[in-house]
Amino acid sequence: MSFPQKYMLEISKLWKAYPNPSGGESVIVKDFNLKLRPGEFTTLIGHSGCGKSTVLSIVAGLSEASKGGIILAGRETTDPGPDRGVVFQSPCLLPWMTAYENVMLGVKQVYFTASKTERCQIAEYYLSVVGLTDSMHKYPGELSQGMRQRVGIARAFALQPKMLLLDEPFGMLDSLTRYELQQVLLELWRKFRITTLMVTHDVDEAIFLSDRVIMMTDGPEAEVGDILSIPFERPRERKVLMEDPHYYELREQLITFLNDRSHIRPSHDPQFMPSLDMASELSNQTLSTGVTIV
C-alpha cells in the first residue's frame, strides 16, 4: 500500500561556501532548511547577495552544496535532471533553433519512447498554451524578450517535471509583459500543480503567486528569517487582491522584514525561529480572514 508523499522537496541544513584566495572560506548560505508539499507554490525573497539563486541552483543540481542535503520526491539528489524544470531570468535559447526546436530538445530526451508525432504534439501543445501558436517556428532573434521567456516556460512545463524552479523569470521584462506572463504561469501551474520554488525581488509578485513566501536574512551566512503564509484563495485575480485590505497587511509584513529585520539571524535567538512544519501545515489551509506569519 502506497501513501501520499508528504513533502516533495526537503532541504536540510544546507550550506554553501567558497574558498577565499587568502585562506578560509566565505559562507553564502548557512543552515538553510525548507520543506515544500506537493503542488505548493513557494517564493524566496531577500536582498541581493543573500543566496536566493544559490539555493535554487543547488536544488537544480547546477551547483554543489558544501554541506547538507536535498531530498526530492523521497530521493536524495545532487545532479541535474529532467525531474526539475528550470526557467532563468534569461531563457538561454539556442539562437540557431526555432522556438519549436528549442522545446523539442528536452521533449526528445524525456519522451524518448514516444513516437515522433506524439513528441511534436507535446511541443506544439505547450507552445500554444503560452500563446505562441503563430510564432513557434520563429527564431529567438525574431521574438521579443517576453516571447522568448514564454518559450522558456513552455520548455520547462513540457518536461512534466516533479519540480519547477524559477530564477527571477520576469525580472528583465516591462511591467505589462511581466503581469501577462505571471498570469500565464499561474494558469499553467493551476492546470498541472507542479511543486514550484521561485526566486524574486518583487514583493507584489511574491504575494500574488505564492502559497508561502520564504524571507531570507542578509548574506553572508544567510538563512531562513521568516515565513509568510498567503491566505488568499485560488484562482486569484490581481484587481480583487489589490482591493483587499489583507493584501496591504501582507505587503507591509514583507517590507518590514526586508527593511528592518533581515539582518537578524533566527539561529542566534530561538525565539525568532519559524516553525517550518507549522508553516507548511498553515499553507495548506484555507484562511478566510486575517494574516498569518510564522
Protein backbone atom coordinates (compact mmCIF):
# COMPACT_ATOMS: atom_id res chain seq x y z
CA MET A 1 0.00 0.00 0.00
CA SER A 2 1.44 3.38 -1.02
CA PHE A 3 0.95 6.56 0.96
CA PRO A 4 0.80 10.11 -0.43
CA GLN A 5 4.10 11.96 -0.49
CA LYS A 6 4.13 14.37 2.47
CA TYR A 7 6.89 16.56 1.09
CA MET A 8 8.01 16.95 -2.50
CA LEU A 9 11.18 18.83 -1.51
CA GLU A 10 13.18 18.73 1.72
CA ILE A 11 16.22 20.97 2.12
CA SER A 12 18.11 20.14 5.31
CA LYS A 13 20.93 22.14 6.91
CA LEU A 14 22.16 23.40 3.57
CA TRP A 15 25.48 25.24 3.44
CA LYS A 16 27.27 26.83 0.51
CA ALA A 17 30.78 28.20 0.96
CA TYR A 18 33.52 29.32 -1.41
CA PRO A 19 37.27 29.34 -0.62
CA ASN A 20 38.93 32.72 -0.18
CA PRO A 21 42.16 33.47 -2.06
CA SER A 22 43.76 34.46 1.26
CA GLY A 23 42.63 31.29 3.02
CA GLY A 24 39.49 30.26 4.83
CA GLU A 25 36.09 30.42 3.17
CA SER A 26 33.12 32.70 2.59
CA VAL A 27 29.83 31.16 3.68
CA ILE A 28 26.99 32.33 1.42
CA VAL A 29 24.17 30.20 2.87
CA LYS A 30 24.25 28.59 6.30
CA ASP A 31 21.88 26.00 7.83
CA PHE A 32 19.13 26.64 5.30
CA ASN A 33 16.06 24.45 5.97
CA LEU A 34 12.86 24.25 3.94
CA LYS A 35 10.10 21.74 3.17
CA LEU A 36 7.66 22.02 0.27
CA ARG A 37 4.49 19.99 -0.04
CA PRO A 38 3.41 18.52 -3.40
CA GLY A 39 1.77 21.17 -5.56
CA GLU A 40 2.87 24.09 -3.37
CA PHE A 41 3.99 27.39 -4.93
CA THR A 42 6.71 28.96 -2.78
CA THR A 43 8.88 32.02 -3.35
CA LEU A 44 12.24 33.03 -1.90
CA ILE A 45 12.67 36.74 -1.31
CA GLY A 46 15.51 38.76 0.15
CA HIS A 47 18.11 41.40 -0.61
CA SER A 48 20.67 40.97 -3.39
CA GLY A 49 23.51 38.70 -2.36
CA CYS A 50 21.54 36.78 0.24
CA GLY A 51 21.88 33.48 -1.61
CA LYS A 52 18.41 33.03 -3.12
CA SER A 53 19.72 32.00 -6.52
CA THR A 54 22.42 29.91 -4.85
CA VAL A 55 19.78 27.81 -3.09
CA LEU A 56 17.81 27.43 -6.32
CA SER A 57 20.93 26.45 -8.24
CA ILE A 58 21.76 23.74 -5.69
CA VAL A 59 18.22 22.35 -5.85
CA ALA A 60 18.51 22.32 -9.66
CA GLY A 61 21.75 20.33 -9.38
CA LEU A 62 23.73 23.08 -11.11
CA SER A 63 25.82 23.85 -8.02
CA GLU A 64 27.15 21.54 -5.35
CA ALA A 65 26.23 22.01 -1.68
CA SER A 66 29.12 22.35 0.77
CA LYS A 67 27.07 20.67 3.50
CA GLY A 68 23.54 19.43 3.96
CA GLY A 69 21.22 17.52 1.70
CA ILE A 70 18.28 17.78 -0.68
CA ILE A 71 15.57 15.15 -0.99
CA LEU A 72 13.27 15.40 -4.00
CA ALA A 73 10.22 13.11 -4.16
CA GLY A 74 11.72 10.89 -1.46
CA ARG A 75 15.16 10.52 -3.05
CA GLU A 76 18.37 12.40 -2.32
CA THR A 77 19.54 14.38 -5.33
CA THR A 78 22.76 16.18 -6.23
CA ASP A 79 22.84 16.20 -10.04
CA PRO A 80 20.64 17.99 -12.59
CA GLY A 81 17.86 16.03 -14.26
CA PRO A 82 14.59 16.27 -16.19
CA ASP A 83 12.63 15.89 -12.95
CA ARG A 84 13.32 19.63 -12.45
CA GLY A 85 12.28 22.23 -14.98
CA VAL A 86 14.33 25.44 -14.69
CA VAL A 87 13.44 28.89 -16.01
CA PHE A 88 16.11 31.57 -15.71
CA GLN A 89 15.87 35.35 -15.94
CA SER A 90 17.15 34.97 -19.48
CA PRO A 91 15.67 31.90 -21.20
CA CYS A 92 19.01 30.82 -22.78
CA LEU A 93 17.54 29.67 -26.08
CA LEU A 94 19.78 28.29 -28.81
CA PRO A 95 19.72 31.09 -31.42
CA TRP A 96 20.09 28.78 -34.43
CA MET A 97 16.94 26.84 -33.46
CA THR A 98 13.32 27.93 -33.67
CA ALA A 99 11.12 28.18 -30.58
CA TYR A 100 9.64 24.81 -31.50
CA GLU A 101 13.07 23.21 -31.92
CA ASN A 102 14.25 24.61 -28.57
CA VAL A 103 11.31 22.99 -26.80
CA MET A 104 11.78 19.75 -28.74
CA LEU A 105 15.33 19.37 -27.39
CA GLY A 106 14.02 18.47 -23.95
CA VAL A 107 10.94 16.68 -25.25
CA LYS A 108 13.08 14.24 -27.25
CA GLN A 109 15.12 13.38 -24.15
CA VAL A 110 12.20 12.93 -21.77
CA TYR A 111 9.74 11.26 -24.16
CA PHE A 112 12.26 9.07 -25.98
CA THR A 113 9.80 6.17 -26.11
CA ALA A 114 7.06 8.29 -27.72
CA SER A 115 6.54 8.45 -31.45
CA LYS A 116 7.72 11.42 -33.48
CA THR A 117 4.11 12.54 -33.91
CA GLU A 118 3.47 12.38 -30.17
CA ARG A 119 6.60 14.39 -29.41
CA CYS A 120 5.61 17.02 -31.95
CA GLN A 121 2.16 17.26 -30.40
CA ILE A 122 3.67 17.77 -26.92
CA ALA A 123 5.94 20.63 -28.08
CA GLU A 124 3.16 22.28 -30.06
CA TYR A 125 0.72 21.99 -27.16
CA TYR A 126 2.93 23.73 -24.61
CA LEU A 127 3.92 26.46 -27.04
CA SER A 128 0.25 27.06 -27.79
CA VAL A 129 -0.79 27.30 -24.14
CA VAL A 130 1.79 30.04 -23.56
CA GLY A 131 0.41 31.96 -26.53
CA LEU A 132 2.97 31.16 -29.23
CA THR A 133 0.83 29.24 -31.73
CA ASP A 134 1.68 31.67 -34.52
CA SER A 135 5.33 32.15 -33.56
CA MET A 136 6.60 28.68 -32.70
CA HIS A 137 8.64 28.41 -35.91
CA LYS A 138 10.39 31.73 -35.44
CA TYR A 139 13.98 32.03 -34.24
CA PRO A 140 14.82 33.69 -30.90
CA GLY A 141 16.17 36.75 -32.70
CA GLU A 142 12.73 37.27 -34.21
CA LEU A 143 10.98 37.15 -30.82
CA SER A 144 10.57 39.83 -28.15
CA GLN A 145 12.07 39.30 -24.70
CA GLY A 146 8.64 38.37 -23.36
CA MET A 147 8.04 35.87 -26.17
CA ARG A 148 11.44 34.27 -25.56
CA GLN A 149 10.54 33.88 -21.91
CA ARG A 150 7.28 32.20 -22.94
CA VAL A 151 9.40 29.67 -24.83
CA GLY A 152 11.43 29.09 -21.66
CA ILE A 153 8.25 28.48 -19.65
CA ALA A 154 6.86 26.14 -22.33
CA ARG A 155 10.15 24.23 -22.40
CA ALA A 156 10.11 23.72 -18.64
CA PHE A 157 6.47 22.59 -18.42
CA ALA A 158 6.83 20.31 -21.46
CA LEU A 159 9.18 18.10 -19.43
CA GLN A 160 6.35 17.49 -16.92
CA PRO A 161 8.90 17.75 -14.08
CA LYS A 162 8.34 16.97 -10.42
CA MET A 163 9.53 20.49 -9.59
CA LEU A 164 9.58 23.84 -11.33
CA LEU A 165 12.46 26.16 -10.41
CA LEU A 166 12.17 29.82 -11.43
CA ASP A 167 15.04 32.27 -11.01
CA GLU A 168 13.52 35.75 -11.37
CA PRO A 169 11.92 34.77 -14.70
CA PHE A 170 10.20 38.15 -15.14
CA GLY A 171 12.98 40.38 -13.85
CA MET A 172 14.02 41.69 -17.28
CA LEU A 173 10.50 42.42 -18.54
CA ASP A 174 8.45 45.60 -18.58
CA SER A 175 5.52 45.81 -16.14
CA LEU A 176 2.77 44.96 -18.63
CA THR A 177 4.61 41.93 -20.04
CA ARG A 178 5.50 40.80 -16.52
CA TYR A 179 1.85 40.87 -15.45
CA GLU A 180 0.82 38.94 -18.57
CA LEU A 181 3.42 36.23 -18.00
CA GLN A 182 2.61 35.95 -14.31
CA GLN A 183 -0.95 35.12 -15.38
CA VAL A 184 0.30 32.60 -17.97
CA LEU A 185 2.45 30.96 -15.30
CA LEU A 186 -0.42 30.80 -12.81
CA GLU A 187 -2.78 29.24 -15.33
CA LEU A 188 -0.22 26.56 -16.20
CA TRP A 189 0.54 25.94 -12.54
CA ARG A 190 -3.18 25.57 -11.72
CA LYS A 191 -3.56 23.07 -14.55
CA PHE A 192 -0.60 20.86 -13.69
CA ARG A 193 0.04 21.67 -9.99
CA ILE A 194 3.79 21.25 -10.25
CA THR A 195 5.59 22.00 -6.99
CA THR A 196 7.28 25.35 -7.59
CA LEU A 197 10.14 27.24 -5.98
CA MET A 198 10.68 30.74 -7.33
CA VAL A 199 13.24 33.46 -6.61
CA THR A 200 12.02 37.05 -6.81
CA HIS A 201 12.87 40.57 -5.65
CA ASP A 202 9.29 41.72 -6.19
CA VAL A 203 7.10 41.81 -3.07
CA ASP A 204 3.86 42.12 -5.05
CA GLU A 205 4.82 39.26 -7.34
CA ALA A 206 5.57 37.05 -4.33
CA ILE A 207 2.17 37.72 -2.74
CA PHE A 208 0.22 37.30 -5.97
CA LEU A 209 1.78 33.98 -6.97
CA SER A 210 2.62 32.20 -3.73
CA ASP A 211 1.20 29.91 -1.11
CA ARG A 212 4.14 30.85 1.11
CA VAL A 213 6.90 33.45 0.96
CA ILE A 214 10.25 32.47 2.46
CA MET A 215 12.13 35.55 3.67
CA MET A 216 15.90 35.17 3.73
CA THR A 217 18.22 37.06 6.02
CA ASP A 218 21.02 39.18 4.60
CA GLY A 219 24.22 37.50 3.47
CA PRO A 220 26.77 36.30 4.14
CA GLU A 221 25.65 33.21 6.13
CA ALA A 222 22.06 33.77 5.01
CA GLU A 223 19.29 31.56 6.38
CA VAL A 224 15.51 31.45 6.58
CA GLY A 225 14.48 34.55 8.50
CA ASP A 226 10.70 34.18 8.49
CA ILE A 227 7.89 32.51 6.57
CA LEU A 228 4.72 34.25 5.48
CA SER A 229 1.65 32.18 4.57
CA ILE A 230 -0.55 33.76 1.90
CA PRO A 231 -4.25 33.24 2.78
CA PHE A 232 -5.93 34.20 -0.50
CA GLU A 233 -7.97 31.53 -2.23
CA ARG A 234 -7.23 30.43 -5.76
CA PRO A 235 -7.81 31.25 -8.56
CA ARG A 236 -6.66 34.80 -7.88
CA GLU A 237 -7.45 37.99 -9.71
CA ARG A 238 -4.97 40.84 -9.37
CA LYS A 239 -7.69 43.53 -9.19
CA VAL A 240 -9.57 41.70 -6.42
CA LEU A 241 -6.37 41.21 -4.40
CA MET A 242 -5.42 44.86 -4.74
CA GLU A 243 -8.76 45.84 -3.23
CA ASP A 244 -8.39 43.50 -0.26
CA PRO A 245 -7.03 45.23 2.89
CA HIS A 246 -5.28 42.00 3.91
CA TYR A 247 -3.12 42.34 0.80
CA TYR A 248 -1.58 45.53 2.18
CA GLU A 249 -1.07 43.93 5.60
CA LEU A 250 0.88 41.12 3.95
CA ARG A 251 2.83 43.61 1.87
CA GLU A 252 3.73 45.58 4.98
CA GLN A 253 4.90 42.41 6.73
CA LEU A 254 7.28 41.63 3.88
CA ILE A 255 8.60 45.18 3.53
CA THR A 256 9.10 45.48 7.29
CA PHE A 257 11.16 42.30 7.31
CA LEU A 258 13.29 43.42 4.37
CA ASN A 259 13.84 46.93 5.75
CA ASP A 260 14.09 46.30 9.49
CA ARG A 261 14.63 42.64 10.31
CA SER A 262 16.57 40.98 7.51
CA HIS A 263 19.82 41.43 9.46
CA ILE A 264 18.51 39.30 12.37
CA ARG A 265 19.75 35.70 12.44
CA PRO A 266 16.97 33.47 13.84
CA SER A 267 19.55 30.80 14.68
CA HIS A 268 21.13 33.25 17.13
CA ASP A 269 17.87 33.52 19.06
CA PRO A 270 15.47 30.51 19.11
CA GLN A 271 12.53 32.83 19.85
CA PHE A 272 12.75 34.13 16.27
CA MET A 273 12.99 30.72 14.58
CA PRO A 274 9.97 29.98 12.37
CA SER A 275 8.41 26.53 12.65
CA LEU A 276 8.84 25.12 9.16
CA ASP A 277 6.44 22.22 9.66
CA MET A 278 3.81 24.54 11.09
CA ALA A 279 4.23 26.91 8.18
CA SER A 280 3.74 24.02 5.76
CA GLU A 281 0.56 22.98 7.52
CA LEU A 282 -0.82 26.51 7.51
CA SER A 283 -0.12 26.96 3.83
CA ASN A 284 -2.48 24.08 3.06
CA GLN A 285 -5.38 25.53 4.99
CA THR A 286 -7.90 27.99 3.59
CA LEU A 287 -7.74 31.10 5.72
CA SER A 288 -10.73 33.36 5.33
CA THR A 289 -9.58 36.30 7.43
CA GLY A 290 -6.50 37.76 9.00
CA VAL A 291 -2.81 37.46 8.24
CA THR A 292 -0.63 34.60 9.42
CA ILE A 293 3.12 34.89 9.78
CA VAL A 294 5.23 32.18 11.35
